Amino acid sequence: MIVRLLGGPLAGRVLTTTDAPWAGGWLTAGDADWGLYVPVHRDPATGVVLAEARITIPRPRRGRRAPWDSGP
C-alpha cells in the first residue's frame, strides 16, 4: 500500500507499507520533527491512501494515563 503524507513535517513524502489496514501513527524521518498522521481517504481504484498531519495531540481521559507517560 502507498500512503501519501499531507501537511506537517513530512509533507510530500510517500510511505510504502504492507497491504494490511493502516490506522496512522507517529512518524519521523531523518532530522524532521515527529508528526501524527491519520488516514483520511483511500482511492478505491489505485489503493493509494492520503494521510493528513493531525495538529492537536489527543489528551487522555480523566483518570487515565497517557500511553507515552511511563511514570509510577
N, C-alpha and C. Protein backbone atom coordinates (compact mmCIF):
# COMPACT_ATOMS: atom_id res chain seq x y z
N MET A 1 0.85 -1.17 0.00
CA MET A 1 0.00 0.00 0.00
C MET A 1 0.89 1.23 0.00
N ILE A 2 0.46 2.24 -0.70
CA ILE A 2 1.18 3.52 -0.76
C ILE A 2 0.40 4.54 0.05
N VAL A 3 1.09 5.24 0.95
CA VAL A 3 0.49 6.29 1.77
C VAL A 3 1.19 7.59 1.43
N ARG A 4 0.44 8.58 0.98
CA ARG A 4 0.97 9.91 0.70
C ARG A 4 0.70 10.80 1.90
N LEU A 5 1.75 11.44 2.41
CA LEU A 5 1.63 12.27 3.61
C LEU A 5 1.39 13.72 3.22
N LEU A 6 0.37 14.31 3.80
CA LEU A 6 -0.03 15.69 3.50
C LEU A 6 0.16 16.55 4.75
N GLY A 7 0.80 17.69 4.61
CA GLY A 7 0.99 18.60 5.73
C GLY A 7 2.00 18.09 6.74
N GLY A 8 2.29 18.91 7.74
CA GLY A 8 3.20 18.52 8.81
C GLY A 8 4.64 18.41 8.36
N PRO A 9 5.50 17.86 9.22
CA PRO A 9 6.93 17.82 8.93
C PRO A 9 7.32 16.89 7.78
N LEU A 10 6.46 15.95 7.41
CA LEU A 10 6.79 15.00 6.35
C LEU A 10 5.96 15.22 5.09
N ALA A 11 5.42 16.39 4.92
CA ALA A 11 4.57 16.69 3.76
C ALA A 11 5.28 16.36 2.46
N GLY A 12 4.55 15.71 1.57
CA GLY A 12 5.08 15.38 0.26
C GLY A 12 5.80 14.05 0.19
N ARG A 13 6.04 13.43 1.33
CA ARG A 13 6.74 12.13 1.32
C ARG A 13 5.75 11.01 1.07
N VAL A 14 6.27 9.88 0.62
CA VAL A 14 5.45 8.71 0.33
C VAL A 14 5.95 7.55 1.17
N LEU A 15 5.03 6.86 1.82
CA LEU A 15 5.33 5.71 2.66
C LEU A 15 4.79 4.47 1.98
N THR A 16 5.62 3.46 1.85
CA THR A 16 5.17 2.19 1.28
C THR A 16 5.09 1.17 2.40
N THR A 17 3.93 0.57 2.59
CA THR A 17 3.72 -0.40 3.67
C THR A 17 3.14 -1.69 3.10
N THR A 18 2.83 -2.61 4.00
CA THR A 18 2.17 -3.84 3.59
C THR A 18 0.73 -3.52 3.21
N ASP A 19 0.01 -4.49 2.71
CA ASP A 19 -1.39 -4.27 2.32
C ASP A 19 -2.35 -4.34 3.50
N ALA A 20 -1.84 -4.54 4.71
CA ALA A 20 -2.69 -4.58 5.89
C ALA A 20 -3.27 -3.19 6.15
N PRO A 21 -4.43 -3.10 6.81
CA PRO A 21 -5.01 -1.80 7.13
C PRO A 21 -4.02 -0.94 7.93
N TRP A 22 -4.00 0.34 7.64
CA TRP A 22 -3.10 1.27 8.32
C TRP A 22 -3.95 2.29 9.05
N ALA A 23 -3.80 2.38 10.37
CA ALA A 23 -4.61 3.28 11.19
C ALA A 23 -3.91 4.60 11.45
N GLY A 24 -2.72 4.79 10.90
CA GLY A 24 -1.99 6.02 11.15
C GLY A 24 -1.00 5.82 12.27
N GLY A 25 -0.26 6.89 12.60
CA GLY A 25 0.70 6.79 13.68
C GLY A 25 1.68 7.95 13.67
N TRP A 26 2.55 7.95 14.69
CA TRP A 26 3.59 8.97 14.80
C TRP A 26 4.73 8.59 13.87
N LEU A 27 5.14 9.51 13.01
CA LEU A 27 6.18 9.24 12.04
C LEU A 27 7.23 10.34 12.06
N THR A 28 8.46 9.98 11.72
CA THR A 28 9.54 10.94 11.53
C THR A 28 10.52 10.35 10.53
N ALA A 29 11.36 11.21 9.97
CA ALA A 29 12.39 10.74 9.04
C ALA A 29 13.59 11.66 9.17
N GLY A 30 14.76 11.09 9.39
CA GLY A 30 15.97 11.90 9.50
C GLY A 30 15.87 12.92 10.61
N ASP A 31 16.12 14.17 10.29
CA ASP A 31 16.08 15.25 11.28
C ASP A 31 14.71 15.93 11.38
N ALA A 32 13.71 15.40 10.67
CA ALA A 32 12.37 16.02 10.70
C ALA A 32 11.73 15.83 12.06
N ASP A 33 10.85 16.74 12.43
CA ASP A 33 10.07 16.60 13.66
C ASP A 33 9.11 15.43 13.52
N TRP A 34 8.64 14.94 14.67
CA TRP A 34 7.62 13.89 14.66
C TRP A 34 6.29 14.49 14.27
N GLY A 35 5.48 13.73 13.56
CA GLY A 35 4.14 14.18 13.19
C GLY A 35 3.17 13.02 13.32
N LEU A 36 1.97 13.32 13.81
CA LEU A 36 0.92 12.30 13.92
C LEU A 36 0.10 12.35 12.65
N TYR A 37 0.10 11.26 11.89
CA TYR A 37 -0.62 11.20 10.62
C TYR A 37 -1.77 10.22 10.73
N VAL A 38 -2.93 10.64 10.22
CA VAL A 38 -4.12 9.79 10.22
C VAL A 38 -4.65 9.68 8.79
N PRO A 39 -5.09 8.48 8.40
CA PRO A 39 -5.62 8.31 7.04
C PRO A 39 -6.95 9.05 6.89
N VAL A 40 -7.12 9.74 5.77
CA VAL A 40 -8.37 10.48 5.54
C VAL A 40 -9.10 10.04 4.27
N HIS A 41 -8.38 9.38 3.37
CA HIS A 41 -9.02 8.97 2.11
C HIS A 41 -8.24 7.82 1.50
N ARG A 42 -8.95 6.87 0.92
CA ARG A 42 -8.32 5.77 0.18
C ARG A 42 -8.95 5.71 -1.19
N ASP A 43 -8.14 5.82 -2.23
CA ASP A 43 -8.63 5.74 -3.59
C ASP A 43 -8.91 4.28 -3.92
N PRO A 44 -10.18 3.91 -4.14
CA PRO A 44 -10.51 2.51 -4.39
C PRO A 44 -9.90 1.97 -5.69
N ALA A 45 -9.64 2.83 -6.65
CA ALA A 45 -9.08 2.37 -7.92
C ALA A 45 -7.59 2.04 -7.82
N THR A 46 -6.83 2.88 -7.11
CA THR A 46 -5.38 2.68 -7.03
C THR A 46 -4.92 2.10 -5.69
N GLY A 47 -5.74 2.25 -4.65
CA GLY A 47 -5.37 1.79 -3.31
C GLY A 47 -4.50 2.77 -2.56
N VAL A 48 -4.19 3.93 -3.16
CA VAL A 48 -3.35 4.94 -2.51
C VAL A 48 -4.15 5.57 -1.36
N VAL A 49 -3.49 5.71 -0.22
CA VAL A 49 -4.11 6.31 0.97
C VAL A 49 -3.51 7.69 1.17
N LEU A 50 -4.36 8.69 1.42
CA LEU A 50 -3.90 10.03 1.78
C LEU A 50 -3.98 10.16 3.30
N ALA A 51 -2.89 10.62 3.90
CA ALA A 51 -2.85 10.78 5.36
C ALA A 51 -2.48 12.22 5.68
N GLU A 52 -3.26 12.85 6.55
CA GLU A 52 -3.02 14.23 6.95
C GLU A 52 -2.38 14.27 8.32
N ALA A 53 -1.59 15.32 8.55
CA ALA A 53 -0.99 15.54 9.87
C ALA A 53 -2.08 16.03 10.81
N ARG A 54 -2.16 15.41 11.98
CA ARG A 54 -3.11 15.87 12.99
C ARG A 54 -2.40 16.95 13.80
N ILE A 55 -3.01 18.11 13.86
CA ILE A 55 -2.37 19.26 14.51
C ILE A 55 -2.44 19.17 16.02
N THR A 56 -3.54 18.72 16.56
CA THR A 56 -3.68 18.65 18.01
C THR A 56 -3.32 17.26 18.52
N ILE A 57 -2.78 17.21 19.70
CA ILE A 57 -2.42 15.94 20.33
C ILE A 57 -3.59 15.49 21.19
N PRO A 58 -4.08 14.28 21.00
CA PRO A 58 -5.19 13.81 21.81
C PRO A 58 -4.80 13.75 23.28
N ARG A 59 -5.70 14.17 24.14
CA ARG A 59 -5.45 14.15 25.58
C ARG A 59 -6.09 12.91 26.19
N PRO A 60 -5.43 12.33 27.19
CA PRO A 60 -6.02 11.15 27.83
C PRO A 60 -7.27 11.54 28.61
N ARG A 61 -8.17 10.59 28.74
CA ARG A 61 -9.38 10.85 29.53
C ARG A 61 -9.01 10.98 31.00
N ARG A 62 -9.86 11.66 31.74
CA ARG A 62 -9.63 11.88 33.16
C ARG A 62 -9.41 10.54 33.86
N GLY A 63 -8.36 10.47 34.66
CA GLY A 63 -8.07 9.26 35.41
C GLY A 63 -7.27 8.23 34.64
N ARG A 64 -7.03 8.47 33.38
CA ARG A 64 -6.24 7.52 32.57
C ARG A 64 -4.91 8.14 32.23
N ARG A 65 -3.88 7.36 32.27
CA ARG A 65 -2.54 7.82 31.94
C ARG A 65 -2.34 7.80 30.43
N ALA A 66 -1.65 8.79 29.95
CA ALA A 66 -1.34 8.83 28.52
C ALA A 66 -0.39 7.68 28.19
N PRO A 67 -0.49 7.09 26.98
CA PRO A 67 0.35 5.96 26.63
C PRO A 67 1.84 6.28 26.66
N TRP A 68 2.23 7.55 26.47
CA TRP A 68 3.62 7.92 26.47
C TRP A 68 4.13 8.23 27.87
N ASP A 69 3.25 8.26 28.88
CA ASP A 69 3.63 8.56 30.25
C ASP A 69 3.94 7.25 30.98
N SER A 70 5.21 7.00 31.26
CA SER A 70 5.58 5.75 31.91
C SER A 70 5.90 5.96 33.38
N GLY A 71 5.45 7.06 33.94
CA GLY A 71 5.70 7.35 35.35
C GLY A 71 5.04 6.34 36.28
N PRO A 72 5.32 6.46 37.60
CA PRO A 72 4.77 5.48 38.57
C PRO A 72 3.27 5.50 38.69
